[in-house]
PDB file of N, CA and C in Angstrom:
ATOM      1  N   MET A   1     -23.819 -10.996  -0.839  1.00  0.00           N
ATOM      2  CA  MET A   1     -23.383  -9.644  -0.561  1.00  0.00           C
ATOM      3  C   MET A   1     -24.110  -9.144   0.693  1.00  0.00           C
ATOM      4  N   ARG A   2     -23.365  -8.433   1.515  1.00  0.00           N
ATOM      5  CA  ARG A   2     -23.958  -7.821   2.715  1.00  0.00           C
ATOM      6  C   ARG A   2     -24.083  -6.321   2.509  1.00  0.00           C
ATOM      7  N   LEU A   3     -25.169  -5.771   3.031  1.00  0.00           N
ATOM      8  CA  LEU A   3     -25.434  -4.346   2.908  1.00  0.00           C
ATOM      9  C   LEU A   3     -25.690  -3.715   4.267  1.00  0.00           C
ATOM     10  N   ARG A   4     -25.384  -2.418   4.350  1.00  0.00           N
ATOM     11  CA  ARG A   4     -25.758  -1.617   5.514  1.00  0.00           C
ATOM     12  C   ARG A   4     -26.676  -0.516   4.997  1.00  0.00           C
ATOM     13  N   VAL A   5     -27.800  -0.344   5.658  1.00  0.00           N
ATOM     14  CA  VAL A   5     -28.719   0.732   5.322  1.00  0.00           C
ATOM     15  C   VAL A   5     -28.768   1.705   6.490  1.00  0.00           C
ATOM     16  N   GLU A   6     -28.744   2.979   6.154  1.00  0.00           N
ATOM     17  CA  GLU A   6     -28.917   4.054   7.129  1.00  0.00           C
ATOM     18  C   GLU A   6     -30.058   4.919   6.610  1.00  0.00           C
ATOM     19  N   PHE A   7     -31.004   5.293   7.479  1.00  0.00           N
ATOM     20  CA  PHE A   7     -32.120   6.090   6.992  1.00  0.00           C
ATOM     21  C   PHE A   7     -32.715   6.976   8.082  1.00  0.00           C
ATOM     22  N   THR A   8     -33.367   8.029   7.620  1.00  0.00           N
ATOM     23  CA  THR A   8     -34.189   8.884   8.467  1.00  0.00           C
ATOM     24  C   THR A   8     -35.452   9.224   7.685  1.00  0.00           C
ATOM     25  N   THR A   9     -36.499   9.547   8.411  1.00  0.00           N
ATOM     26  CA  THR A   9     -37.742   9.983   7.780  1.00  0.00           C
ATOM     27  C   THR A   9     -38.074  11.379   8.271  1.00  0.00           C
ATOM     28  N   GLU A  10     -38.768  12.123   7.435  1.00  0.00           N
ATOM     29  CA  GLU A  10     -39.172  13.486   7.779  1.00  0.00           C
ATOM     30  C   GLU A  10     -40.643  13.662   7.434  1.00  0.00           C
ATOM     31  N   PRO A  11     -41.340  14.592   8.028  1.00  0.00           N
ATOM     32  CA  PRO A  11     -40.845  15.694   8.850  1.00  0.00           C
ATOM     33  C   PRO A  11     -40.540  15.245  10.274  1.00  0.00           C
ATOM     34  N   PHE A  12     -39.604  15.959  10.896  1.00  0.00           N
ATOM     35  CA  PHE A  12     -39.230  15.705  12.279  1.00  0.00           C
ATOM     36  C   PHE A  12     -40.258  16.295  13.229  1.00  0.00           C
ATOM     37  N   ASP A  13     -40.361  15.705  14.389  1.00  0.00           N
ATOM     38  CA  ASP A  13     -41.163  16.254  15.480  1.00  0.00           C
ATOM     39  C   ASP A  13     -40.346  16.023  16.740  1.00  0.00           C
ATOM     40  N   LEU A  14     -39.923  17.089  17.375  1.00  0.00           N
ATOM     41  CA  LEU A  14     -39.064  16.958  18.548  1.00  0.00           C
ATOM     42  C   LEU A  14     -39.819  16.548  19.805  1.00  0.00           C
ATOM     43  N   ASP A  15     -41.142  16.650  19.789  1.00  0.00           N
ATOM     44  CA  ASP A  15     -41.926  16.296  20.972  1.00  0.00           C
ATOM     45  C   ASP A  15     -42.258  14.809  21.041  1.00  0.00           C
ATOM     46  N   GLU A  16     -42.567  14.210  19.899  1.00  0.00           N
ATOM     47  CA  GLU A  16     -42.848  12.778  19.877  1.00  0.00           C
ATOM     48  C   GLU A  16     -42.563  12.226  18.486  1.00  0.00           C
ATOM     49  N   ALA A  17     -42.300  10.945  18.430  1.00  0.00           N
ATOM     50  CA  ALA A  17     -41.984  10.313  17.145  1.00  0.00           C
ATOM     51  C   ALA A  17     -43.218  10.297  16.258  1.00  0.00           C
ATOM     52  N   PRO A  18     -43.107  10.826  15.031  1.00  0.00           N
ATOM     53  CA  PRO A  18     -44.237  10.794  14.113  1.00  0.00           C
ATOM     54  C   PRO A  18     -44.560   9.364  13.677  1.00  0.00           C
ATOM     55  N   ALA A  19     -45.772   9.163  13.203  1.00  0.00           N
ATOM     56  CA  ALA A  19     -46.218   7.825  12.793  1.00  0.00           C
ATOM     57  C   ALA A  19     -45.294   7.221  11.744  1.00  0.00           C
ATOM     58  N   HIS A  20     -44.831   8.021  10.783  1.00  0.00           N
ATOM     59  CA  HIS A  20     -43.965   7.484   9.721  1.00  0.00           C
ATOM     60  C   HIS A  20     -42.640   6.987  10.276  1.00  0.00           C
ATOM     61  N   ALA A  21     -42.107   7.653  11.297  1.00  0.00           N
ATOM     62  CA  ALA A  21     -40.853   7.207  11.904  1.00  0.00           C
ATOM     63  C   ALA A  21     -41.049   5.912  12.675  1.00  0.00           C
ATOM     64  N   VAL A  22     -42.153   5.814  13.383  1.00  0.00           N
ATOM     65  CA  VAL A  22     -42.449   4.599  14.148  1.00  0.00           C
ATOM     66  C   VAL A  22     -42.635   3.412  13.207  1.00  0.00           C
ATOM     67  N   VAL A  23     -43.366   3.621  12.126  1.00  0.00           N
ATOM     68  CA  VAL A  23     -43.596   2.552  11.151  1.00  0.00           C
ATOM     69  C   VAL A  23     -42.277   2.090  10.536  1.00  0.00           C
ATOM     70  N   ALA A  24     -41.438   3.029  10.124  1.00  0.00           N
ATOM     71  CA  ALA A  24     -40.157   2.668   9.511  1.00  0.00           C
ATOM     72  C   ALA A  24     -39.288   1.878  10.486  1.00  0.00           C
ATOM     73  N   ARG A  25     -39.240   2.316  11.713  1.00  0.00           N
ATOM     74  CA  ARG A  25     -38.451   1.597  12.720  1.00  0.00           C
ATOM     75  C   ARG A  25     -39.016   0.209  12.973  1.00  0.00           C
ATOM     76  N   ASP A  26     -40.344   0.096  13.042  1.00  0.00           N
ATOM     77  CA  ASP A  26     -40.972  -1.211  13.259  1.00  0.00           C
ATOM     78  C   ASP A  26     -40.634  -2.173  12.126  1.00  0.00           C
ATOM     79  N   VAL A  27     -40.640  -1.686  10.893  1.00  0.00           N
ATOM     80  CA  VAL A  27     -40.299  -2.532   9.745  1.00  0.00           C
ATOM     81  C   VAL A  27     -38.881  -3.062   9.887  1.00  0.00           C
ATOM     82  N   ILE A  28     -37.948  -2.192  10.208  1.00  0.00           N
ATOM     83  CA  ILE A  28     -36.542  -2.604  10.325  1.00  0.00           C
ATOM     84  C   ILE A  28     -36.341  -3.550  11.503  1.00  0.00           C
ATOM     85  N   GLN A  29     -36.987  -3.266  12.618  1.00  0.00           N
ATOM     86  CA  GLN A  29     -36.825  -4.133  13.786  1.00  0.00           C
ATOM     87  C   GLN A  29     -37.442  -5.509  13.563  1.00  0.00           C
ATOM     88  N   ALA A  30     -38.494  -5.590  12.756  1.00  0.00           N
ATOM     89  CA  ALA A  30     -39.161  -6.865  12.501  1.00  0.00           C
ATOM     90  C   ALA A  30     -38.456  -7.682  11.417  1.00  0.00           C
ATOM     91  N   ALA A  31     -37.640  -7.034  10.600  1.00  0.00           N
ATOM     92  CA  ALA A  31     -36.930  -7.733   9.525  1.00  0.00           C
ATOM     93  C   ALA A  31     -35.834  -8.615  10.110  1.00  0.00           C
ATOM     94  N   ASP A  32     -35.450  -9.618   9.353  1.00  0.00           N
ATOM     95  CA  ASP A  32     -34.398 -10.534   9.801  1.00  0.00           C
ATOM     96  C   ASP A  32     -33.038  -9.947   9.438  1.00  0.00           C
ATOM     97  N   LEU A  33     -32.656  -8.861  10.150  1.00  0.00           N
ATOM     98  CA  LEU A  33     -31.416  -8.150   9.879  1.00  0.00           C
ATOM     99  C   LEU A  33     -30.517  -8.154  11.103  1.00  0.00           C
ATOM    100  N   ASP A  34     -29.230  -7.890  10.874  1.00  0.00           N
ATOM    101  CA  ASP A  34     -28.237  -7.846  11.949  1.00  0.00           C
ATOM    102  C   ASP A  34     -27.952  -6.399  12.325  1.00  0.00           C
ATOM    103  N   ALA A  35     -27.378  -6.217  13.477  1.00  0.00           N
ATOM    104  CA  ALA A  35     -26.860  -4.910  13.901  1.00  0.00           C
ATOM    105  C   ALA A  35     -27.868  -3.789  13.701  1.00  0.00           C
ATOM    106  N   VAL A  36     -29.099  -4.027  14.127  1.00  0.00           N
ATOM    107  CA  VAL A  36     -30.136  -3.000  14.020  1.00  0.00           C
ATOM    108  C   VAL A  36     -29.939  -1.990  15.141  1.00  0.00           C
ATOM    109  N   ASP A  37     -29.885  -0.724  14.763  1.00  0.00           N
ATOM    110  CA  ASP A  37     -29.740   0.358  15.738  1.00  0.00           C
ATOM    111  C   ASP A  37     -30.722   1.461  15.359  1.00  0.00           C
ATOM    112  N   VAL A  38     -31.714   1.681  16.208  1.00  0.00           N
ATOM    113  CA  VAL A  38     -32.690   2.738  15.938  1.00  0.00           C
ATOM    114  C   VAL A  38     -32.491   3.858  16.942  1.00  0.00           C
ATOM    115  N   GLY A  39     -32.644   5.075  16.460  1.00  0.00           N
ATOM    116  CA  GLY A  39     -32.462   6.232  17.319  1.00  0.00           C
ATOM    117  C   GLY A  39     -33.319   7.388  16.844  1.00  0.00           C
ATOM    118  N   PRO A  40     -33.323   8.477  17.589  1.00  0.00           N
ATOM    119  CA  PRO A  40     -34.207   9.594  17.258  1.00  0.00           C
ATOM    120  C   PRO A  40     -33.817  10.339  15.981  1.00  0.00           C
ATOM    121  N   PHE A  41     -32.558  10.257  15.562  1.00  0.00           N
ATOM    122  CA  PHE A  41     -32.123  11.020  14.391  1.00  0.00           C
ATOM    123  C   PHE A  41     -31.531  10.156  13.284  1.00  0.00           C
ATOM    124  N   GLY A  42     -31.636   8.846  13.426  1.00  0.00           N
ATOM    125  CA  GLY A  42     -31.137   7.969  12.387  1.00  0.00           C
ATOM    126  C   GLY A  42     -31.231   6.518  12.803  1.00  0.00           C
ATOM    127  N   ASN A  43     -31.266   5.654  11.818  1.00  0.00           N
ATOM    128  CA  ASN A  43     -31.426   4.227  12.039  1.00  0.00           C
ATOM    129  C   ASN A  43     -30.474   3.490  11.114  1.00  0.00           C
ATOM    130  N   THR A  44     -29.925   2.384  11.578  1.00  0.00           N
ATOM    131  CA  THR A  44     -29.053   1.571  10.747  1.00  0.00           C
ATOM    132  C   THR A  44     -29.384   0.099  10.940  1.00  0.00           C
ATOM    133  N   ALA A  45     -29.080  -0.680   9.915  1.00  0.00           N
ATOM    134  CA  ALA A  45     -29.221  -2.135   9.998  1.00  0.00           C
ATOM    135  C   ALA A  45     -28.314  -2.742   8.939  1.00  0.00           C
ATOM    136  N   GLU A  46     -27.930  -3.983   9.163  1.00  0.00           N
ATOM    137  CA  GLU A  46     -27.076  -4.714   8.234  1.00  0.00           C
ATOM    138  C   GLU A  46     -27.675  -6.078   7.991  1.00  0.00           C
ATOM    139  N   GLY A  47     -27.332  -6.645   6.839  1.00  0.00           N
ATOM    140  CA  GLY A  47     -27.779  -7.995   6.563  1.00  0.00           C
ATOM    141  C   GLY A  47     -27.517  -8.406   5.137  1.00  0.00           C
ATOM    142  N   ASP A  48     -28.011  -9.583   4.811  1.00  0.00           N
ATOM    143  CA  ASP A  48     -27.947 -10.105   3.458  1.00  0.00           C
ATOM    144  C   ASP A  48     -28.649  -9.132   2.514  1.00  0.00           C
ATOM    145  N   ALA A  49     -28.095  -8.956   1.316  1.00  0.00           N
ATOM    146  CA  ALA A  49     -28.626  -7.975   0.363  1.00  0.00           C
ATOM    147  C   ALA A  49     -30.117  -8.172   0.116  1.00  0.00           C
ATOM    148  N   GLY A  50     -30.552  -9.383  -0.091  1.00  0.00           N
ATOM    149  CA  GLY A  50     -31.967  -9.633  -0.353  1.00  0.00           C
ATOM    150  C   GLY A  50     -32.857  -9.211   0.798  1.00  0.00           C
ATOM    151  N   GLN A  51     -32.428  -9.513   2.003  1.00  0.00           N
ATOM    152  CA  GLN A  51     -33.221  -9.147   3.186  1.00  0.00           C
ATOM    153  C   GLN A  51     -33.244  -7.642   3.392  1.00  0.00           C
ATOM    154  N   VAL A  52     -32.107  -6.987   3.198  1.00  0.00           N
ATOM    155  CA  VAL A  52     -32.052  -5.530   3.354  1.00  0.00           C
ATOM    156  C   VAL A  52     -32.935  -4.858   2.303  1.00  0.00           C
ATOM    157  N   LEU A  53     -32.832  -5.290   1.055  1.00  0.00           N
ATOM    158  CA  LEU A  53     -33.618  -4.663  -0.007  1.00  0.00           C
ATOM    159  C   LEU A  53     -35.109  -4.886   0.187  1.00  0.00           C
ATOM    160  N   THR A  54     -35.508  -6.042   0.669  1.00  0.00           N
ATOM    161  CA  THR A  54     -36.914  -6.301   0.967  1.00  0.00           C
ATOM    162  C   THR A  54     -37.396  -5.381   2.086  1.00  0.00           C
ATOM    163  N   ALA A  55     -36.577  -5.237   3.128  1.00  0.00           N
ATOM    164  CA  ALA A  55     -36.946  -4.361   4.246  1.00  0.00           C
ATOM    165  C   ALA A  55     -37.019  -2.905   3.798  1.00  0.00           C
ATOM    166  N   VAL A  56     -36.079  -2.468   2.956  1.00  0.00           N
ATOM    167  CA  VAL A  56     -36.078  -1.087   2.470  1.00  0.00           C
ATOM    168  C   VAL A  56     -37.335  -0.822   1.643  1.00  0.00           C
ATOM    169  N   ASP A  57     -37.706  -1.743   0.782  1.00  0.00           N
ATOM    170  CA  ASP A  57     -38.927  -1.586  -0.003  1.00  0.00           C
ATOM    171  C   ASP A  57     -40.134  -1.391   0.911  1.00  0.00           C
ATOM    172  N   SER A  58     -40.240  -2.226   1.912  1.00  0.00           N
ATOM    173  CA  SER A  58     -41.363  -2.132   2.842  1.00  0.00           C
ATOM    174  C   SER A  58     -41.337  -0.836   3.645  1.00  0.00           C
ATOM    175  N   LEU A  59     -40.159  -0.445   4.145  1.00  0.00           N
ATOM    176  CA  LEU A  59     -40.109   0.771   4.956  1.00  0.00           C
ATOM    177  C   LEU A  59     -40.426   2.006   4.124  1.00  0.00           C
ATOM    178  N   LEU A  60     -39.973   2.055   2.869  1.00  0.00           N
ATOM    179  CA  LEU A  60     -40.303   3.195   2.017  1.00  0.00           C
ATOM    180  C   LEU A  60     -41.811   3.285   1.772  1.00  0.00           C
ATOM    181  N   ARG A  61     -42.405   2.187   1.389  1.00  0.00           N
ATOM    182  CA  ARG A  61     -43.846   2.181   1.099  1.00  0.00           C
ATOM    183  C   ARG A  61     -44.675   2.535   2.330  1.00  0.00           C
ATOM    184  N   ARG A  62     -44.325   1.929   3.457  1.00  0.00           N
ATOM    185  CA  ARG A  62     -45.121   2.139   4.671  1.00  0.00           C
ATOM    186  C   ARG A  62     -44.880   3.511   5.284  1.00  0.00           C
ATOM    187  N   ALA A  63     -43.644   4.005   5.247  1.00  0.00           N
ATOM    188  CA  ALA A  63     -43.364   5.336   5.792  1.00  0.00           C
ATOM    189  C   ALA A  63     -44.081   6.407   4.972  1.00  0.00           C
ATOM    190  N   LEU A  64     -44.039   6.298   3.651  1.00  0.00           N
ATOM    191  CA  LEU A  64     -44.738   7.266   2.803  1.00  0.00           C
ATOM    192  C   LEU A  64     -46.249   7.203   3.027  1.00  0.00           C
ATOM    193  N   ALA A  65     -46.780   6.007   3.170  1.00  0.00           N
ATOM    194  CA  ALA A  65     -48.220   5.855   3.430  1.00  0.00           C
ATOM    195  C   ALA A  65     -48.609   6.404   4.802  1.00  0.00           C
ATOM    196  N   SER A  66     -47.631   6.517   5.706  1.00  0.00           N
ATOM    197  CA  SER A  66     -47.894   7.012   7.064  1.00  0.00           C
ATOM    198  C   SER A  66     -47.558   8.490   7.233  1.00  0.00           C
ATOM    199  N   GLY A  67     -47.293   9.187   6.122  1.00  0.00           N
ATOM    200  CA  GLY A  67     -47.112  10.627   6.203  1.00  0.00           C
ATOM    201  C   GLY A  67     -45.714  11.162   6.015  1.00  0.00           C
ATOM    202  N   ALA A  68     -44.743  10.326   5.731  1.00  0.00           N
ATOM    203  CA  ALA A  68     -43.389  10.835   5.488  1.00  0.00           C
ATOM    204  C   ALA A  68     -43.394  11.686   4.220  1.00  0.00           C
ATOM    205  N   THR A  69     -42.699  12.817   4.286  1.00  0.00           N
ATOM    206  CA  THR A  69     -42.557  13.661   3.103  1.00  0.00           C
ATOM    207  C   THR A  69     -41.160  13.539   2.507  1.00  0.00           C
ATOM    208  N   ARG A  70     -40.262  12.912   3.249  1.00  0.00           N
ATOM    209  CA  ARG A  70     -38.910  12.663   2.768  1.00  0.00           C
ATOM    210  C   ARG A  70     -38.338  11.472   3.522  1.00  0.00           C
ATOM    211  N   VAL A  71     -37.650  10.633   2.791  1.00  0.00           N
ATOM    212  CA  VAL A  71     -36.891   9.544   3.399  1.00  0.00           C
ATOM    213  C   VAL A  71     -35.469   9.666   2.866  1.00  0.00           C
ATOM    214  N   SER A  72     -34.536   9.911   3.760  1.00  0.00           N
ATOM    215  CA  SER A  72     -33.123   9.965   3.382  1.00  0.00           C
ATOM    216  C   SER A  72     -32.525   8.602   3.666  1.00  0.00           C
ATOM    217  N   LEU A  73     -31.879   8.048   2.649  1.00  0.00           N
ATOM    218  CA  LEU A  73     -31.421   6.676   2.758  1.00  0.00           C
ATOM    219  C   LEU A  73     -30.039   6.547   2.141  1.00  0.00           C
ATOM    220  N   GLN A  74     -29.189   5.810   2.827  1.00  0.00           N
ATOM    221  CA  GLN A  74     -27.869   5.494   2.287  1.00  0.00           C
ATOM    222  C   GLN A  74     -27.694   3.993   2.379  1.00  0.00           C
ATOM    223  N   LEU A  75     -27.223   3.388   1.294  1.00  0.00           N
ATOM    224  CA  LEU A  75     -27.031   1.959   1.243  1.00  0.00           C
ATOM    225  C   LEU A  75     -25.585   1.691   0.859  1.00  0.00           C
ATOM    226  N   ASN A  76     -24.887   0.883   1.657  1.00  0.00           N
ATOM    227  CA  ASN A  76     -23.481   0.567   1.405  1.00  0.00           C
ATOM    228  C   ASN A  76     -23.269  -0.933   1.349  1.00  0.00           C
ATOM    229  N   VAL A  77     -22.430  -1.358   0.411  1.00  0.00           N
ATOM    230  CA  VAL A  77     -21.964  -2.738   0.382  1.00  0.00           C
ATOM    231  C   VAL A  77     -20.864  -2.842   1.434  1.00  0.00           C
ATOM    232  N   ILE A  78     -21.025  -3.793   2.342  1.00  0.00           N
ATOM    233  CA  ILE A  78     -20.038  -3.921   3.420  1.00  0.00           C
ATOM    234  C   ILE A  78     -19.254  -5.220   3.345  1.00  0.00           C
ATOM    235  N   GLY A  79     -19.599  -6.096   2.414  1.00  0.00           N
ATOM    236  CA  GLY A  79     -18.838  -7.331   2.278  1.00  0.00           C
ATOM    237  C   GLY A  79     -19.648  -8.409   1.598  1.00  0.00           C
ATOM    238  N   GLU A  80     -19.001  -9.524   1.458  1.00  0.00           N
ATOM    239  CA  GLU A  80     -19.630 -10.691   0.862  1.00  0.00           C
ATOM    240  C   GLU A  80     -20.036 -11.638   1.976  1.00  0.00           C
ATOM    241  N   ASP A  81     -21.163 -12.315   1.795  1.00  0.00           N
ATOM    242  CA  ASP A  81     -21.551 -13.355   2.737  1.00  0.00           C
ATOM    243  C   ASP A  81     -20.563 -14.508   2.610  1.00  0.00           C
ATOM    244  N   THR A  82     -20.256 -15.128   3.711  1.00  0.00           N
ATOM    245  CA  THR A  82     -19.377 -16.287   3.667  1.00  0.00           C
ATOM    246  C   THR A  82     -20.210 -17.529   3.876  1.00  0.00           C
ATOM    247  N   PRO A  83     -19.957 -18.577   3.103  1.00  0.00           N
ATOM    248  CA  PRO A  83     -20.760 -19.812   3.226  1.00  0.00           C
ATOM    249  C   PRO A  83     -20.518 -20.512   4.540  1.00  0.00           C
TER     250      PRO A  83
END
């Protein structure tokens, strides 16, 4: 199964990216995922369900440890992996 994750972390800071946002983005960029798109108001990535769920676990734990007070996350099934 393939998944797409979309997420943002809060609180926002319009002057510079907060530590929790940088950490969350670093986790997603370092994961073995496809179609990674990071931006100032939202981030997306796609991949195998196991890889996405592992990355989401890490980003939640690390973002919260870095000061996030809210993580908004949406996870969608986008298809089945083909052999």
